[in-house]
Amino acid sequence: MYYCWKYHNIKPSDYYNMTAGEKTILTAFYTIEMEEMKEKAEAVASTGICPAMALK
């Protein structure tokens, strides 16, 4: 729930009021997003460049 609030502006009350199906879909989207972030981090790490320099 914290992740939803911090990165996607979903209030705890909005999350609480979601149906079980909506929470399942949100969990699936979270999983996909985390996999994408991991892939990006691995790609940057494999370049041997400082991540801060890769953003320029």
Protein backbone atom coordinates (compact mmCIF):
# COMPACT_ATOMS: atom_id res chain seq x y z
CA MET A 1 0.00 0.00 0.00
CA TYR A 2 2.89 2.39 0.78
CA TYR A 3 4.31 1.88 -2.71
CA CYS A 4 0.93 2.73 -4.26
CA TRP A 5 0.71 5.93 -2.23
CA LYS A 6 4.31 7.04 -2.73
CA TYR A 7 4.69 6.36 -6.45
CA HIS A 8 1.15 6.32 -7.85
CA ASN A 9 -0.84 8.67 -5.57
CA ILE A 10 -3.26 5.96 -4.47
CA LYS A 11 -4.46 6.88 -1.00
CA PRO A 12 -4.74 4.15 1.64
CA SER A 13 -8.49 4.72 1.74
CA ASP A 14 -8.70 4.20 -2.03
CA TYR A 15 -6.73 0.97 -1.70
CA TYR A 16 -8.90 -0.19 1.18
CA ASN A 17 -12.07 0.46 -0.85
CA MET A 18 -10.85 -1.55 -3.87
CA THR A 19 -12.46 -4.87 -4.64
CA ALA A 20 -10.42 -8.05 -4.35
CA GLY A 21 -10.16 -8.17 -8.15
CA GLU A 22 -8.78 -4.64 -8.32
CA LYS A 23 -6.20 -5.47 -5.65
CA THR A 24 -5.20 -8.59 -7.60
CA ILE A 25 -4.66 -6.54 -10.76
CA LEU A 26 -2.76 -3.88 -8.82
CA THR A 27 -0.51 -6.61 -7.40
CA ALA A 28 0.11 -7.96 -10.91
CA PHE A 29 1.00 -4.48 -12.18
CA TYR A 30 3.33 -4.00 -9.20
CA THR A 31 5.08 -7.27 -10.02
CA ILE A 32 5.54 -6.25 -13.66
CA GLU A 33 6.84 -2.82 -12.67
CA MET A 34 9.36 -4.33 -10.24
CA GLU A 35 10.59 -6.74 -12.93
CA GLU A 36 11.06 -3.83 -15.36
CA MET A 37 12.97 -1.83 -12.74
CA LYS A 38 15.20 -4.84 -12.03
CA GLU A 39 15.93 -5.28 -15.75
CA LYS A 40 16.84 -1.60 -16.10
CA ALA A 41 19.11 -1.76 -13.05
CA GLU A 42 20.83 -4.87 -14.39
CA ALA A 43 21.32 -3.22 -17.78
CA VAL A 44 22.93 -0.18 -16.19
CA ALA A 45 25.08 -2.35 -13.92
CA SER A 46 26.33 -4.38 -16.87
CA THR A 47 27.64 -1.25 -18.60
CA GLY A 48 30.16 -0.59 -15.86
CA ILE A 49 29.12 3.04 -15.77
CA CYS A 50 28.11 4.90 -12.64
CA PRO A 51 24.25 4.97 -12.65
CA ALA A 52 24.25 8.72 -12.09
CA MET A 53 26.33 9.18 -15.23
CA ALA A 54 23.96 6.97 -17.25
CA LEU A 55 21.11 9.42 -16.66
CA LYS A 56 22.78 12.30 -18.48
